[in-house]
N, C-alpha and C. Protein backbone atom coordinates (compact mmCIF):
# COMPACT_ATOMS: atom_id res chain seq x y z
N MET A 1 -8.95 14.60 -6.91
CA MET A 1 -8.67 14.56 -8.35
C MET A 1 -8.10 13.21 -8.80
N LEU A 2 -7.04 12.73 -8.03
CA LEU A 2 -6.48 11.46 -8.36
C LEU A 2 -7.42 10.33 -8.44
N VAL A 3 -8.36 10.23 -7.41
CA VAL A 3 -9.45 9.23 -7.53
C VAL A 3 -10.31 9.30 -8.84
N ALA A 4 -10.52 10.55 -9.13
CA ALA A 4 -11.29 10.78 -10.45
C ALA A 4 -10.55 10.19 -11.71
N ILE A 5 -9.36 10.57 -11.71
CA ILE A 5 -8.49 10.28 -13.02
C ILE A 5 -8.45 8.70 -12.87
N GLN A 6 -8.23 8.10 -11.77
CA GLN A 6 -8.13 6.61 -11.61
C GLN A 6 -9.46 6.04 -12.10
N ALA A 7 -10.57 6.42 -11.66
CA ALA A 7 -11.91 5.96 -12.06
C ALA A 7 -12.07 6.04 -13.48
N VAL A 8 -11.85 7.20 -14.18
CA VAL A 8 -11.90 7.50 -15.57
C VAL A 8 -11.10 6.39 -16.34
N LEU A 9 -9.84 6.19 -15.84
CA LEU A 9 -8.94 5.31 -16.71
C LEU A 9 -9.62 3.84 -16.59
N LEU A 10 -10.03 3.54 -15.31
CA LEU A 10 -10.62 2.13 -15.21
C LEU A 10 -11.86 1.85 -15.89
N ILE A 11 -12.59 3.00 -15.97
CA ILE A 11 -13.99 2.79 -16.84
C ILE A 11 -13.67 2.69 -18.29
N THR A 12 -12.70 3.59 -18.67
CA THR A 12 -12.26 3.44 -19.99
C THR A 12 -11.76 2.12 -20.51
N LEU A 13 -10.95 1.57 -19.54
CA LEU A 13 -10.40 0.20 -19.81
C LEU A 13 -11.48 -0.70 -20.08
N VAL A 14 -12.57 -0.70 -19.39
CA VAL A 14 -13.64 -1.54 -19.57
C VAL A 14 -14.48 -1.21 -20.90
N LEU A 15 -14.61 -0.03 -21.21
CA LEU A 15 -15.38 0.51 -22.48
C LEU A 15 -14.82 0.40 -23.74
N VAL A 16 -13.55 0.39 -23.76
CA VAL A 16 -12.82 0.55 -25.16
C VAL A 16 -13.23 -0.86 -25.84
N PRO A 17 -12.99 -0.88 -27.18
CA PRO A 17 -13.28 -2.12 -27.99
C PRO A 17 -12.63 -3.21 -27.50
N ARG A 18 -13.24 -4.29 -27.62
CA ARG A 18 -12.67 -5.68 -27.20
C ARG A 18 -12.49 -6.53 -28.33
N ALA A 19 -11.54 -7.48 -28.23
CA ALA A 19 -11.26 -8.60 -29.19
C ALA A 19 -12.02 -9.81 -28.69
N ASP A 20 -12.26 -10.82 -29.62
CA ASP A 20 -12.95 -12.00 -29.31
C ASP A 20 -11.70 -12.68 -28.63
N PRO A 21 -12.08 -13.16 -27.31
CA PRO A 21 -11.16 -13.75 -26.44
C PRO A 21 -10.97 -15.30 -26.97
N SER A 22 -9.78 -15.78 -26.95
CA SER A 22 -9.41 -17.23 -27.06
C SER A 22 -9.54 -17.83 -25.58
N PRO A 23 -9.64 -19.05 -25.53
CA PRO A 23 -9.67 -19.75 -24.15
C PRO A 23 -8.32 -19.54 -23.34
N VAL A 24 -7.28 -19.59 -24.20
CA VAL A 24 -5.93 -19.32 -23.67
C VAL A 24 -5.84 -18.00 -23.04
N ARG A 25 -6.19 -17.09 -23.80
CA ARG A 25 -6.23 -15.58 -23.25
C ARG A 25 -7.10 -15.39 -22.12
N ILE A 26 -8.31 -16.08 -22.21
CA ILE A 26 -9.12 -15.95 -20.91
C ILE A 26 -8.66 -16.56 -19.75
N ALA A 27 -7.90 -17.75 -19.86
CA ALA A 27 -7.29 -18.51 -18.81
C ALA A 27 -6.12 -17.60 -18.19
N ILE A 28 -5.25 -17.10 -18.94
CA ILE A 28 -4.13 -16.41 -18.53
C ILE A 28 -4.63 -15.02 -17.97
N GLY A 29 -5.49 -14.29 -18.58
CA GLY A 29 -6.08 -13.17 -18.06
C GLY A 29 -6.77 -13.21 -16.73
N GLY A 30 -7.60 -14.42 -16.77
CA GLY A 30 -8.38 -14.64 -15.55
C GLY A 30 -7.45 -14.95 -14.23
N LEU A 31 -6.37 -15.68 -14.50
CA LEU A 31 -5.34 -15.83 -13.38
C LEU A 31 -4.82 -14.50 -12.88
N LEU A 32 -4.43 -13.84 -13.79
CA LEU A 32 -3.91 -12.40 -13.46
C LEU A 32 -4.94 -11.53 -12.65
N ILE A 33 -6.12 -11.50 -13.15
CA ILE A 33 -7.17 -10.83 -12.44
C ILE A 33 -7.55 -11.43 -11.01
N VAL A 34 -7.46 -12.73 -10.88
CA VAL A 34 -7.58 -13.27 -9.53
C VAL A 34 -6.48 -13.01 -8.67
N ALA A 35 -5.22 -13.04 -9.28
CA ALA A 35 -4.13 -12.71 -8.52
C ALA A 35 -4.15 -11.17 -7.95
N GLY A 36 -4.61 -10.25 -8.82
CA GLY A 36 -4.84 -8.95 -8.44
C GLY A 36 -5.74 -8.83 -7.34
N VAL A 37 -6.83 -9.33 -7.43
CA VAL A 37 -7.96 -9.26 -6.46
C VAL A 37 -7.51 -9.80 -5.21
N VAL A 38 -6.88 -10.96 -5.33
CA VAL A 38 -6.33 -11.62 -4.00
C VAL A 38 -5.31 -10.49 -3.22
N LEU A 39 -4.21 -10.07 -4.20
CA LEU A 39 -3.37 -9.18 -3.56
C LEU A 39 -4.00 -8.01 -3.00
N GLY A 40 -5.03 -7.33 -3.73
CA GLY A 40 -5.63 -6.02 -3.23
C GLY A 40 -6.24 -6.36 -1.97
N VAL A 41 -7.13 -7.49 -1.87
CA VAL A 41 -7.82 -7.69 -0.67
C VAL A 41 -6.83 -7.95 0.50
N VAL A 42 -5.65 -8.72 0.41
CA VAL A 42 -4.88 -8.88 1.50
C VAL A 42 -4.12 -7.69 1.88
N ALA A 43 -3.69 -6.78 1.07
CA ALA A 43 -3.11 -5.50 1.24
C ALA A 43 -4.05 -4.47 1.80
N GLY A 44 -5.24 -4.57 1.42
CA GLY A 44 -6.28 -3.72 2.18
C GLY A 44 -6.46 -4.01 3.51
N LEU A 45 -6.74 -5.39 3.70
CA LEU A 45 -6.94 -5.92 5.10
C LEU A 45 -5.77 -5.56 6.00
N ARG A 46 -4.55 -5.59 5.44
CA ARG A 46 -3.31 -5.34 6.22
C ARG A 46 -3.24 -3.77 6.65
N LEU A 47 -3.78 -2.99 5.76
CA LEU A 47 -3.94 -1.43 6.06
C LEU A 47 -5.00 -1.22 7.06
N GLY A 48 -6.02 -2.13 7.06
CA GLY A 48 -7.14 -1.93 7.93
C GLY A 48 -7.77 -0.39 7.89
N PRO A 49 -7.95 0.15 9.00
CA PRO A 49 -8.53 1.55 8.89
C PRO A 49 -7.72 2.67 8.38
N ALA A 50 -6.34 2.30 7.97
CA ALA A 50 -5.69 3.28 7.34
C ALA A 50 -5.81 3.41 5.93
N LEU A 51 -6.62 2.38 5.30
CA LEU A 51 -6.98 2.32 3.91
C LEU A 51 -7.77 3.57 3.58
N THR A 52 -7.41 4.53 2.71
CA THR A 52 -8.09 5.71 2.22
C THR A 52 -8.12 5.76 0.74
N PRO A 53 -8.91 6.45 0.03
CA PRO A 53 -8.86 6.47 -1.32
C PRO A 53 -7.77 7.41 -1.86
N THR A 54 -7.13 8.13 -0.88
CA THR A 54 -6.05 9.07 -1.38
C THR A 54 -4.72 8.52 -0.86
N PRO A 55 -3.64 9.01 -1.45
CA PRO A 55 -2.26 8.61 -0.89
C PRO A 55 -1.81 9.16 0.23
N VAL A 56 -2.59 10.06 0.87
CA VAL A 56 -2.10 10.81 2.15
C VAL A 56 -2.29 9.87 3.33
N PRO A 57 -1.07 9.66 3.97
CA PRO A 57 -1.14 8.78 5.19
C PRO A 57 -2.00 9.22 6.26
N HIS A 58 -2.64 8.30 7.00
CA HIS A 58 -3.14 8.61 8.27
C HIS A 58 -2.23 9.00 9.22
N ALA A 59 -2.31 10.04 10.07
CA ALA A 59 -1.42 10.43 10.99
C ALA A 59 -0.96 9.48 12.03
N ASP A 60 -1.96 8.68 12.59
CA ASP A 60 -1.67 7.65 13.55
C ASP A 60 -1.56 6.23 13.10
N ALA A 61 -1.47 5.94 11.71
CA ALA A 61 -1.70 4.62 11.14
C ALA A 61 -0.35 3.83 11.35
N GLY A 62 0.70 4.47 11.35
CA GLY A 62 2.04 3.67 11.35
C GLY A 62 2.38 3.37 9.93
N LEU A 63 3.66 3.04 9.75
CA LEU A 63 4.20 2.50 8.53
C LEU A 63 4.06 0.95 8.44
N ARG A 64 3.19 0.58 7.43
CA ARG A 64 3.02 -1.02 7.18
C ARG A 64 4.19 -1.51 6.38
N THR A 65 4.90 -2.43 6.96
CA THR A 65 6.00 -3.08 6.33
C THR A 65 5.96 -4.64 6.43
N SER A 66 4.88 -5.19 6.70
CA SER A 66 4.65 -6.69 6.75
C SER A 66 3.68 -7.18 5.89
N GLY A 67 3.65 -8.47 5.69
CA GLY A 67 2.64 -9.01 4.65
C GLY A 67 3.07 -8.71 3.34
N PRO A 68 2.14 -8.28 2.41
CA PRO A 68 2.57 -7.77 1.09
C PRO A 68 3.42 -6.57 1.06
N TYR A 69 3.34 -5.78 2.08
CA TYR A 69 4.15 -4.53 2.28
C TYR A 69 5.62 -4.86 2.53
N SER A 70 5.86 -6.18 2.81
CA SER A 70 7.43 -6.43 3.02
C SER A 70 8.10 -6.84 1.61
N LEU A 71 7.19 -6.87 0.56
CA LEU A 71 7.79 -7.09 -0.73
C LEU A 71 7.51 -5.84 -1.71
N ILE A 72 6.49 -5.21 -1.56
CA ILE A 72 6.01 -4.10 -2.46
C ILE A 72 5.50 -2.95 -1.59
N ARG A 73 6.02 -1.78 -1.85
CA ARG A 73 5.42 -0.62 -1.09
C ARG A 73 4.07 -0.19 -1.36
N HIS A 74 3.58 -0.54 -2.50
CA HIS A 74 2.17 -0.13 -2.93
C HIS A 74 1.45 -1.38 -3.62
N PRO A 75 1.23 -2.42 -2.84
CA PRO A 75 0.68 -3.59 -3.33
C PRO A 75 -0.79 -3.36 -3.91
N ILE A 76 -1.52 -2.50 -3.38
CA ILE A 76 -2.84 -2.19 -4.00
C ILE A 76 -2.74 -1.67 -5.34
N TYR A 77 -1.80 -0.82 -5.61
CA TYR A 77 -1.69 -0.37 -6.95
C TYR A 77 -1.25 -1.44 -7.82
N THR A 78 -0.38 -2.15 -7.28
CA THR A 78 0.15 -3.44 -8.09
C THR A 78 -1.05 -4.40 -8.34
N ALA A 79 -1.91 -4.46 -7.39
CA ALA A 79 -3.09 -5.26 -7.54
C ALA A 79 -4.05 -4.90 -8.61
N VAL A 80 -4.32 -3.58 -8.55
CA VAL A 80 -5.15 -2.91 -9.73
C VAL A 80 -4.43 -3.10 -11.08
N LEU A 81 -3.14 -3.06 -11.04
CA LEU A 81 -2.37 -3.12 -12.39
C LEU A 81 -2.46 -4.57 -12.88
N LEU A 82 -2.34 -5.53 -12.09
CA LEU A 82 -2.35 -6.97 -12.25
C LEU A 82 -3.82 -7.22 -12.98
N ALA A 83 -4.77 -6.71 -12.27
CA ALA A 83 -6.24 -7.01 -12.75
C ALA A 83 -6.37 -6.38 -14.24
N ALA A 84 -5.87 -5.13 -14.33
CA ALA A 84 -5.87 -4.56 -15.63
C ALA A 84 -5.26 -5.30 -16.76
N MET A 85 -4.00 -5.85 -16.38
CA MET A 85 -3.24 -6.63 -17.32
C MET A 85 -3.99 -7.80 -17.64
N GLY A 86 -4.71 -8.41 -16.70
CA GLY A 86 -5.45 -9.65 -16.87
C GLY A 86 -6.54 -9.39 -17.78
N PHE A 87 -7.20 -8.18 -17.59
CA PHE A 87 -8.35 -7.84 -18.52
C PHE A 87 -7.90 -7.60 -19.90
N ALA A 88 -6.72 -6.86 -20.01
CA ALA A 88 -6.20 -6.62 -21.38
C ALA A 88 -5.79 -7.81 -22.10
N THR A 89 -5.16 -8.80 -21.23
CA THR A 89 -4.71 -10.15 -21.84
C THR A 89 -5.85 -10.96 -22.24
N ALA A 90 -7.03 -10.94 -21.46
CA ALA A 90 -8.11 -11.72 -21.89
C ALA A 90 -9.00 -11.22 -23.06
N ILE A 91 -9.36 -9.85 -23.11
CA ILE A 91 -10.05 -9.50 -24.09
C ILE A 91 -9.45 -8.15 -24.78
N GLY A 92 -8.31 -7.93 -24.57
CA GLY A 92 -7.80 -6.57 -25.06
C GLY A 92 -7.55 -6.44 -26.48
N THR A 93 -7.69 -5.27 -26.85
CA THR A 93 -7.23 -4.74 -28.25
C THR A 93 -6.00 -3.83 -27.97
N TRP A 94 -5.52 -3.20 -29.00
CA TRP A 94 -4.49 -2.35 -28.77
C TRP A 94 -5.01 -1.12 -28.04
N TRP A 95 -6.31 -0.84 -28.08
CA TRP A 95 -6.91 0.30 -27.22
C TRP A 95 -6.84 -0.03 -25.73
N THR A 96 -7.10 -1.33 -25.43
CA THR A 96 -6.96 -1.81 -24.09
C THR A 96 -5.69 -1.72 -23.51
N TRP A 97 -4.74 -2.11 -24.35
CA TRP A 97 -3.24 -2.03 -23.97
C TRP A 97 -2.91 -0.59 -23.82
N LEU A 98 -3.30 0.26 -24.50
CA LEU A 98 -2.97 1.54 -24.38
C LEU A 98 -3.49 2.26 -23.07
N VAL A 99 -4.85 1.90 -22.74
CA VAL A 99 -5.26 2.40 -21.54
C VAL A 99 -4.52 1.74 -20.25
N ALA A 100 -4.22 0.53 -20.42
CA ALA A 100 -3.37 -0.23 -19.39
C ALA A 100 -2.00 0.37 -19.25
N ALA A 101 -1.39 0.83 -20.41
CA ALA A 101 -0.26 1.62 -20.25
C ALA A 101 -0.43 2.80 -19.40
N LEU A 102 -1.42 3.44 -19.86
CA LEU A 102 -1.76 4.86 -19.03
C LEU A 102 -1.97 4.61 -17.54
N LEU A 103 -2.59 3.39 -17.27
CA LEU A 103 -2.61 3.11 -15.83
C LEU A 103 -1.34 2.93 -15.16
N ILE A 104 -0.45 2.24 -15.82
CA ILE A 104 0.83 2.03 -15.26
C ILE A 104 1.61 3.44 -15.11
N LEU A 105 1.39 4.19 -15.95
CA LEU A 105 2.05 5.66 -15.77
C LEU A 105 1.47 6.37 -14.66
N PHE A 106 0.17 6.28 -14.43
CA PHE A 106 -0.69 6.88 -13.48
C PHE A 106 -0.26 6.36 -12.15
N PHE A 107 -0.19 5.04 -11.93
CA PHE A 107 0.06 4.42 -10.60
C PHE A 107 1.62 4.66 -10.32
N TRP A 108 2.40 4.70 -11.27
CA TRP A 108 3.84 4.88 -11.10
C TRP A 108 4.03 6.44 -10.51
N SER A 109 3.37 7.34 -11.10
CA SER A 109 3.46 8.77 -10.67
C SER A 109 2.81 8.83 -9.33
N LYS A 110 1.60 8.20 -9.14
CA LYS A 110 1.00 8.32 -7.77
C LYS A 110 1.77 7.80 -6.73
N SER A 111 2.53 6.60 -6.97
CA SER A 111 3.42 5.99 -6.14
C SER A 111 4.58 6.74 -5.69
N ARG A 112 5.02 7.55 -6.63
CA ARG A 112 6.12 8.36 -6.23
C ARG A 112 5.70 9.64 -5.37
N TRP A 113 4.59 10.07 -5.57
CA TRP A 113 4.05 11.22 -4.63
C TRP A 113 3.70 10.60 -3.38
N GLU A 114 3.13 9.32 -3.31
CA GLU A 114 2.84 8.86 -2.00
C GLU A 114 4.20 8.41 -1.28
N ASP A 115 5.16 7.95 -1.91
CA ASP A 115 6.46 7.86 -1.47
C ASP A 115 7.08 8.99 -0.79
N SER A 116 6.93 10.19 -1.37
CA SER A 116 7.52 11.37 -0.87
C SER A 116 6.64 11.71 0.51
N LEU A 117 5.39 11.47 0.55
CA LEU A 117 4.59 11.74 1.62
C LEU A 117 4.95 10.68 2.85
N LEU A 118 5.10 9.45 2.49
CA LEU A 118 5.52 8.52 3.55
C LEU A 118 7.04 8.78 3.97
N ARG A 119 7.90 9.23 3.26
CA ARG A 119 9.15 9.46 3.55
C ARG A 119 9.21 10.71 4.51
N GLU A 120 8.34 11.73 4.22
CA GLU A 120 8.17 12.90 5.15
C GLU A 120 7.56 12.54 6.48
N ALA A 121 6.58 11.57 6.37
CA ALA A 121 5.97 11.05 7.65
C ALA A 121 6.78 10.15 8.45
N TYR A 122 7.53 9.28 7.87
CA TYR A 122 8.21 8.31 8.54
C TYR A 122 9.76 8.35 8.65
N GLY A 123 10.20 9.27 7.84
CA GLY A 123 11.83 9.48 7.92
C GLY A 123 12.58 8.22 7.51
N ASP A 124 13.64 7.96 8.44
CA ASP A 124 14.49 6.93 8.27
C ASP A 124 13.76 5.60 8.19
N ALA A 125 12.74 5.38 8.88
CA ALA A 125 12.13 4.00 8.87
C ALA A 125 11.64 3.80 7.27
N TRP A 126 11.05 4.72 6.69
CA TRP A 126 10.68 4.66 5.24
C TRP A 126 11.87 4.45 4.54
N VAL A 127 13.00 5.19 4.66
CA VAL A 127 14.22 4.98 3.85
C VAL A 127 14.72 3.63 3.92
N GLN A 128 14.82 3.04 5.10
CA GLN A 128 15.33 1.67 5.31
C GLN A 128 14.24 0.55 4.65
N TRP A 129 12.99 0.82 4.73
CA TRP A 129 12.03 -0.11 4.06
C TRP A 129 12.11 -0.05 2.55
N SER A 130 12.26 1.26 2.15
CA SER A 130 12.28 1.52 0.59
C SER A 130 13.46 0.86 0.01
N ARG A 131 14.51 0.87 0.75
CA ARG A 131 15.77 0.16 0.20
C ARG A 131 15.51 -1.40 0.02
N ARG A 132 14.70 -1.96 0.78
CA ARG A 132 14.41 -3.47 0.73
C ARG A 132 13.14 -3.73 -0.16
N THR A 133 12.42 -2.75 -0.45
CA THR A 133 11.04 -3.04 -1.20
C THR A 133 11.00 -2.16 -2.61
N GLY A 134 10.50 -2.87 -3.61
CA GLY A 134 10.25 -2.03 -4.82
C GLY A 134 8.89 -1.29 -4.65
N ALA A 135 8.71 -0.31 -5.45
CA ALA A 135 7.41 0.34 -5.33
C ALA A 135 6.33 -0.32 -5.89
N LEU A 136 6.40 -0.84 -7.01
CA LEU A 136 5.26 -1.55 -7.66
C LEU A 136 5.54 -3.07 -7.99
N LEU A 137 6.83 -3.49 -8.06
CA LEU A 137 7.30 -4.76 -8.07
C LEU A 137 8.28 -5.11 -6.98
N PRO A 138 8.36 -6.31 -6.53
CA PRO A 138 9.47 -6.72 -5.62
C PRO A 138 10.78 -6.54 -6.30
N ARG A 139 11.72 -5.97 -5.50
CA ARG A 139 13.14 -5.91 -5.94
C ARG A 139 13.88 -7.22 -6.39
N LEU A 140 14.33 -7.41 -7.49
CA LEU A 140 15.00 -8.46 -7.91
C LEU A 140 16.17 -8.80 -7.13
N ALA A 141 16.97 -7.98 -6.72
CA ALA A 141 18.20 -8.06 -5.93
C ALA A 141 17.76 -8.97 -4.63
N ARG A 142 16.60 -8.64 -4.18
CA ARG A 142 16.19 -9.37 -3.05
C ARG A 142 16.14 -10.91 -3.17
N TRP A 143 15.69 -11.38 -4.38
CA TRP A 143 15.64 -12.86 -4.61
C TRP A 143 16.95 -13.39 -5.08
N ASN A 144 17.99 -12.56 -5.48
CA ASN A 144 19.28 -13.12 -6.00
C ASN A 144 20.17 -12.91 -4.83
N SER A 145 19.83 -12.46 -3.64
CA SER A 145 20.90 -12.17 -2.67
C SER A 145 21.66 -13.37 -2.26
N GLY A 146 20.88 -14.45 -2.18
CA GLY A 146 21.55 -15.78 -1.80
C GLY A 146 22.59 -16.24 -2.86
N SER A 147 22.34 -15.96 -4.08
CA SER A 147 23.22 -16.48 -5.13
C SER A 147 24.64 -15.54 -5.20
N ARG A 148 24.57 -14.45 -4.40
CA ARG A 148 25.71 -13.51 -4.49
C ARG A 148 26.49 -13.47 -3.11
N GLY A 149 26.28 -14.63 -2.41
CA GLY A 149 26.94 -14.79 -1.08
C GLY A 149 26.25 -14.07 -0.03
N GLY A 150 25.00 -13.69 -0.16
CA GLY A 150 24.17 -13.06 0.86
C GLY A 150 24.24 -11.56 0.98
N GLY A 151 24.97 -11.00 -0.02
CA GLY A 151 25.02 -9.59 -0.02
C GLY A 151 24.06 -8.83 -0.53
C-alpha cells in the first residue's frame, strides 16, 4: 500500500499544472534533481540486494551505516525528496509545492515506521547509529561538533 501511495504522489507531482519556468529556476531545479538521482543511485548500490520496495528490512542484510548511510538513515527517501523539490523549483506552481509537501509528510512517516522496524531488528546498533545520523537530513550537531570543543 505504501508503494501505491508513493506512486500516486509522484505521478500527481508530474501531472499537476505547471508554471512557465525561468532559466534560473530550471538551473536550480535541475541541480536538485541531479543531486537526488546521484544520491539515490549511490544509496541503492550501497544497499545492494537488500534494496526492496517496502521498508521491511531483509533478515540477512545487516544494518547499512557507511557511505550515504553514515550521514542519513534514509538517503533514498531524501533522494526522492531532493528530486521532487527540484521539479517543484523548476516548473512548480502552488499545486506542485502542495504535492511536494505531501511527499515530505509521507516519507517522514514512512521513515519513522522503518526506523521502528530497524530498531527492532538491530537493537543497540541501530540506537547508536540513529544518535549520529538524521532520518532524512544530516544532523547539524555533527557538523558543529568541532566548534564546540569536539563534544
